[in-house]
Amino acid sequence: MIEKYVVIKKQPNVDYLIGDIAYDIDGNVVSYDEAAVMTEANMMALRAERNQRLANTDWWVMPDRTATQAQLDYRQALRDITGTYTSLDDVVWPEKPE
């Protein structure tokens, strides 16, 4: 999972990784909070999928169009997804209107 490695590298004192082992700038092995890393990696993946779904419907809200209430509600539900779910494995996506 690419997101996991991105999050690990953002942890305090982590300078580089070899596999799942994190090292500081001096080459010492450093620990990191695996649960926090996985939570943030899951949220990154969820936000990426949500953002793609929003991008696929951006044309609905272009200035020369009038979006339906169902379309606006769908987009709002997508934006609210990260307040309800924390993983792509658990999310129930709103139904996309026609």
N, C-alpha and C. Protein backbone atom coordinates (compact mmCIF):
# COMPACT_ATOMS: atom_id res chain seq x y z
N MET A 1 0.85 -1.18 0.00
CA MET A 1 0.00 0.00 0.00
C MET A 1 0.89 1.24 0.00
N ILE A 2 0.88 1.96 -1.08
CA ILE A 2 1.72 3.15 -1.24
C ILE A 2 1.43 4.17 -0.15
N GLU A 3 0.15 4.36 0.18
CA GLU A 3 -0.22 5.36 1.17
C GLU A 3 0.48 5.11 2.50
N LYS A 4 0.61 3.84 2.88
CA LYS A 4 1.26 3.50 4.15
C LYS A 4 2.68 4.05 4.19
N TYR A 5 3.42 3.87 3.12
CA TYR A 5 4.81 4.32 3.10
C TYR A 5 4.91 5.84 3.09
N VAL A 6 3.97 6.48 2.45
CA VAL A 6 3.94 7.94 2.47
C VAL A 6 3.71 8.44 3.89
N VAL A 7 2.79 7.80 4.60
CA VAL A 7 2.47 8.21 5.97
C VAL A 7 3.64 7.92 6.91
N ILE A 8 4.26 6.75 6.77
CA ILE A 8 5.39 6.41 7.64
C ILE A 8 6.49 7.46 7.49
N LYS A 9 6.77 7.87 6.27
CA LYS A 9 7.84 8.84 6.05
C LYS A 9 7.52 10.20 6.66
N LYS A 10 6.25 10.46 6.97
CA LYS A 10 5.87 11.72 7.60
C LYS A 10 5.97 11.65 9.13
N GLN A 11 6.25 10.47 9.66
CA GLN A 11 6.33 10.32 11.11
C GLN A 11 7.57 11.04 11.66
N PRO A 12 7.48 11.53 12.91
CA PRO A 12 8.64 12.20 13.50
C PRO A 12 9.86 11.27 13.53
N ASN A 13 10.99 11.81 13.23
CA ASN A 13 12.28 11.11 13.30
C ASN A 13 12.50 10.07 12.20
N VAL A 14 11.55 9.87 11.30
CA VAL A 14 11.74 8.90 10.23
C VAL A 14 12.37 9.62 9.04
N ASP A 15 13.55 9.16 8.66
CA ASP A 15 14.25 9.76 7.53
C ASP A 15 14.10 8.92 6.27
N TYR A 16 14.16 7.59 6.44
CA TYR A 16 14.00 6.71 5.29
C TYR A 16 13.52 5.34 5.73
N LEU A 17 13.09 4.55 4.77
CA LEU A 17 12.56 3.21 5.02
C LEU A 17 13.32 2.19 4.20
N ILE A 18 13.46 1.03 4.77
CA ILE A 18 13.88 -0.15 4.03
C ILE A 18 12.84 -1.20 4.38
N GLY A 19 11.98 -1.50 3.42
CA GLY A 19 10.84 -2.36 3.72
C GLY A 19 9.92 -1.63 4.67
N ASP A 20 9.54 -2.29 5.77
CA ASP A 20 8.70 -1.67 6.79
C ASP A 20 9.52 -1.13 7.95
N ILE A 21 10.82 -1.16 7.85
CA ILE A 21 11.67 -0.70 8.94
C ILE A 21 12.04 0.75 8.69
N ALA A 22 11.81 1.58 9.70
CA ALA A 22 12.07 3.01 9.61
C ALA A 22 13.39 3.35 10.29
N TYR A 23 14.11 4.30 9.69
CA TYR A 23 15.41 4.72 10.21
C TYR A 23 15.44 6.23 10.33
N ASP A 24 16.22 6.69 11.33
CA ASP A 24 16.42 8.13 11.44
C ASP A 24 17.61 8.54 10.57
N ILE A 25 17.97 9.81 10.62
CA ILE A 25 19.02 10.33 9.75
C ILE A 25 20.39 9.69 10.03
N ASP A 26 20.56 9.18 11.25
CA ASP A 26 21.82 8.54 11.63
C ASP A 26 21.84 7.04 11.35
N GLY A 27 20.76 6.52 10.79
CA GLY A 27 20.70 5.09 10.49
C GLY A 27 20.20 4.23 11.63
N ASN A 28 19.72 4.85 12.67
CA ASN A 28 19.16 4.09 13.79
C ASN A 28 17.72 3.69 13.48
N VAL A 29 17.35 2.49 13.89
CA VAL A 29 15.97 2.04 13.72
C VAL A 29 15.10 2.86 14.66
N VAL A 30 14.01 3.39 14.13
CA VAL A 30 13.06 4.14 14.95
C VAL A 30 11.68 3.49 14.84
N SER A 31 10.91 3.63 15.91
CA SER A 31 9.58 3.05 15.90
C SER A 31 8.56 4.10 15.46
N TYR A 32 7.41 3.62 15.05
CA TYR A 32 6.31 4.49 14.69
C TYR A 32 5.02 3.79 15.10
N ASP A 33 3.98 4.57 15.21
CA ASP A 33 2.68 4.05 15.64
C ASP A 33 2.00 3.39 14.45
N GLU A 34 2.07 2.06 14.38
CA GLU A 34 1.52 1.31 13.25
C GLU A 34 0.03 1.56 13.09
N ALA A 35 -0.70 1.61 14.19
CA ALA A 35 -2.15 1.83 14.11
C ALA A 35 -2.45 3.21 13.53
N ALA A 36 -1.73 4.23 13.97
CA ALA A 36 -1.94 5.58 13.45
C ALA A 36 -1.58 5.66 11.97
N VAL A 37 -0.51 4.97 11.60
CA VAL A 37 -0.10 4.96 10.19
C VAL A 37 -1.17 4.30 9.33
N MET A 38 -1.69 3.17 9.77
CA MET A 38 -2.71 2.47 8.99
C MET A 38 -4.00 3.29 8.90
N THR A 39 -4.37 3.94 9.99
CA THR A 39 -5.56 4.78 9.98
C THR A 39 -5.42 5.89 8.96
N GLU A 40 -4.27 6.57 8.97
CA GLU A 40 -4.06 7.67 8.03
C GLU A 40 -3.94 7.16 6.60
N ALA A 41 -3.30 6.01 6.40
CA ALA A 41 -3.18 5.44 5.05
C ALA A 41 -4.57 5.08 4.51
N ASN A 42 -5.41 4.51 5.37
CA ASN A 42 -6.78 4.18 4.95
C ASN A 42 -7.55 5.44 4.59
N MET A 43 -7.36 6.50 5.37
CA MET A 43 -8.06 7.76 5.08
C MET A 43 -7.55 8.37 3.78
N MET A 44 -6.27 8.26 3.51
CA MET A 44 -5.73 8.77 2.25
C MET A 44 -6.35 8.05 1.06
N ALA A 45 -6.47 6.74 1.17
CA ALA A 45 -7.08 5.96 0.09
C ALA A 45 -8.56 6.31 -0.07
N LEU A 46 -9.25 6.49 1.04
CA LEU A 46 -10.66 6.86 0.99
C LEU A 46 -10.84 8.23 0.36
N ARG A 47 -10.02 9.20 0.77
CA ARG A 47 -10.11 10.53 0.19
C ARG A 47 -9.80 10.53 -1.30
N ALA A 48 -8.82 9.72 -1.71
CA ALA A 48 -8.47 9.64 -3.13
C ALA A 48 -9.64 9.12 -3.96
N GLU A 49 -10.31 8.08 -3.48
CA GLU A 49 -11.46 7.53 -4.21
C GLU A 49 -12.61 8.54 -4.20
N ARG A 50 -12.85 9.16 -3.06
CA ARG A 50 -13.90 10.18 -2.96
C ARG A 50 -13.62 11.33 -3.92
N ASN A 51 -12.38 11.79 -3.95
CA ASN A 51 -12.02 12.90 -4.83
C ASN A 51 -12.21 12.54 -6.30
N GLN A 52 -11.92 11.30 -6.66
CA GLN A 52 -12.13 10.86 -8.04
C GLN A 52 -13.61 10.86 -8.38
N ARG A 53 -14.43 10.40 -7.46
CA ARG A 53 -15.88 10.38 -7.69
C ARG A 53 -16.42 11.81 -7.81
N LEU A 54 -15.90 12.71 -7.00
CA LEU A 54 -16.32 14.11 -7.13
C LEU A 54 -15.87 14.69 -8.47
N ALA A 55 -14.63 14.40 -8.85
CA ALA A 55 -14.11 14.91 -10.12
C ALA A 55 -14.93 14.41 -11.30
N ASN A 56 -15.42 13.18 -11.20
CA ASN A 56 -16.24 12.62 -12.28
C ASN A 56 -17.58 13.33 -12.42
N THR A 57 -17.98 14.07 -11.40
CA THR A 57 -19.26 14.78 -11.45
C THR A 57 -19.09 16.30 -11.45
N ASP A 58 -17.87 16.78 -11.57
CA ASP A 58 -17.64 18.23 -11.58
C ASP A 58 -18.44 18.92 -12.68
N TRP A 59 -18.61 18.25 -13.79
CA TRP A 59 -19.32 18.88 -14.91
C TRP A 59 -20.76 19.20 -14.55
N TRP A 60 -21.31 18.52 -13.54
CA TRP A 60 -22.69 18.81 -13.13
C TRP A 60 -22.83 20.24 -12.61
N VAL A 61 -21.76 20.79 -12.05
CA VAL A 61 -21.85 22.10 -11.40
C VAL A 61 -21.08 23.18 -12.15
N MET A 62 -20.90 22.98 -13.44
CA MET A 62 -20.26 24.00 -14.27
C MET A 62 -21.21 25.20 -14.38
N PRO A 63 -20.67 26.39 -14.59
CA PRO A 63 -21.50 27.60 -14.63
C PRO A 63 -22.61 27.58 -15.69
N ASP A 64 -22.42 26.83 -16.75
CA ASP A 64 -23.44 26.81 -17.80
C ASP A 64 -24.47 25.70 -17.61
N ARG A 65 -24.46 25.06 -16.44
CA ARG A 65 -25.40 23.98 -16.15
C ARG A 65 -26.17 24.29 -14.88
N THR A 66 -27.28 23.63 -14.72
CA THR A 66 -28.03 23.70 -13.47
C THR A 66 -28.13 22.27 -12.93
N ALA A 67 -27.41 22.03 -11.84
CA ALA A 67 -27.42 20.70 -11.24
C ALA A 67 -28.77 20.44 -10.58
N THR A 68 -29.19 19.19 -10.62
CA THR A 68 -30.42 18.82 -9.92
C THR A 68 -30.13 18.73 -8.43
N GLN A 69 -31.17 18.73 -7.62
CA GLN A 69 -30.98 18.60 -6.18
C GLN A 69 -30.37 17.24 -5.85
N ALA A 70 -30.76 16.21 -6.59
CA ALA A 70 -30.20 14.87 -6.37
C ALA A 70 -28.69 14.87 -6.64
N GLN A 71 -28.26 15.58 -7.68
CA GLN A 71 -26.83 15.67 -7.98
C GLN A 71 -26.08 16.43 -6.88
N LEU A 72 -26.66 17.52 -6.43
CA LEU A 72 -26.04 18.29 -5.35
C LEU A 72 -25.97 17.46 -4.07
N ASP A 73 -27.03 16.72 -3.78
CA ASP A 73 -27.06 15.87 -2.58
C ASP A 73 -26.01 14.77 -2.67
N TYR A 74 -25.86 14.19 -3.85
CA TYR A 74 -24.86 13.15 -4.06
C TYR A 74 -23.45 13.69 -3.80
N ARG A 75 -23.16 14.85 -4.36
CA ARG A 75 -21.84 15.45 -4.17
C ARG A 75 -21.60 15.80 -2.70
N GLN A 76 -22.63 16.26 -2.01
CA GLN A 76 -22.48 16.56 -0.58
C GLN A 76 -22.24 15.27 0.20
N ALA A 77 -22.96 14.22 -0.14
CA ALA A 77 -22.75 12.93 0.53
C ALA A 77 -21.32 12.44 0.33
N LEU A 78 -20.77 12.65 -0.85
CA LEU A 78 -19.38 12.27 -1.09
C LEU A 78 -18.44 13.08 -0.21
N ARG A 79 -18.69 14.38 -0.11
CA ARG A 79 -17.82 15.22 0.72
C ARG A 79 -17.92 14.82 2.19
N ASP A 80 -19.08 14.32 2.62
CA ASP A 80 -19.30 13.94 4.01
C ASP A 80 -18.78 12.54 4.35
N ILE A 81 -18.39 11.77 3.34
CA ILE A 81 -17.97 10.37 3.52
C ILE A 81 -16.88 10.23 4.59
N THR A 82 -15.90 11.13 4.60
CA THR A 82 -14.79 10.98 5.53
C THR A 82 -15.18 11.29 6.98
N GLY A 83 -16.34 11.86 7.18
CA GLY A 83 -16.83 12.06 8.53
C GLY A 83 -17.53 10.83 9.08
N THR A 84 -17.85 9.89 8.21
CA THR A 84 -18.58 8.69 8.60
C THR A 84 -17.71 7.44 8.55
N TYR A 85 -16.86 7.34 7.54
CA TYR A 85 -16.05 6.13 7.32
C TYR A 85 -14.57 6.44 7.45
N THR A 86 -13.81 5.39 7.75
CA THR A 86 -12.36 5.55 7.90
C THR A 86 -11.58 4.59 7.00
N SER A 87 -12.27 3.83 6.18
CA SER A 87 -11.59 2.86 5.33
C SER A 87 -12.42 2.56 4.09
N LEU A 88 -11.75 2.33 2.98
CA LEU A 88 -12.44 1.91 1.76
C LEU A 88 -13.14 0.57 1.95
N ASP A 89 -12.63 -0.25 2.86
CA ASP A 89 -13.21 -1.57 3.10
C ASP A 89 -14.61 -1.49 3.71
N ASP A 90 -14.90 -0.41 4.41
CA ASP A 90 -16.17 -0.28 5.12
C ASP A 90 -17.18 0.64 4.47
N VAL A 91 -16.73 1.49 3.57
CA VAL A 91 -17.58 2.56 3.05
C VAL A 91 -18.75 2.02 2.22
N VAL A 92 -19.89 2.65 2.40
CA VAL A 92 -21.05 2.41 1.55
C VAL A 92 -21.26 3.70 0.77
N TRP A 93 -20.96 3.64 -0.53
CA TRP A 93 -21.02 4.83 -1.36
C TRP A 93 -22.46 5.20 -1.64
N PRO A 94 -22.75 6.50 -1.68
CA PRO A 94 -24.10 6.94 -2.05
C PRO A 94 -24.36 6.56 -3.52
N GLU A 95 -25.62 6.36 -3.83
CA GLU A 95 -25.99 6.00 -5.19
C GLU A 95 -25.92 7.24 -6.07
N LYS A 96 -25.24 7.10 -7.20
CA LYS A 96 -25.07 8.22 -8.14
C LYS A 96 -26.37 8.41 -8.90
N PRO A 97 -26.92 9.63 -8.87
CA PRO A 97 -28.15 9.87 -9.63
C PRO A 97 -27.88 9.92 -11.13
N GLU A 98 -28.93 9.74 -11.90
CA GLU A 98 -28.82 9.79 -13.36
C GLU A 98 -28.69 11.21 -13.84
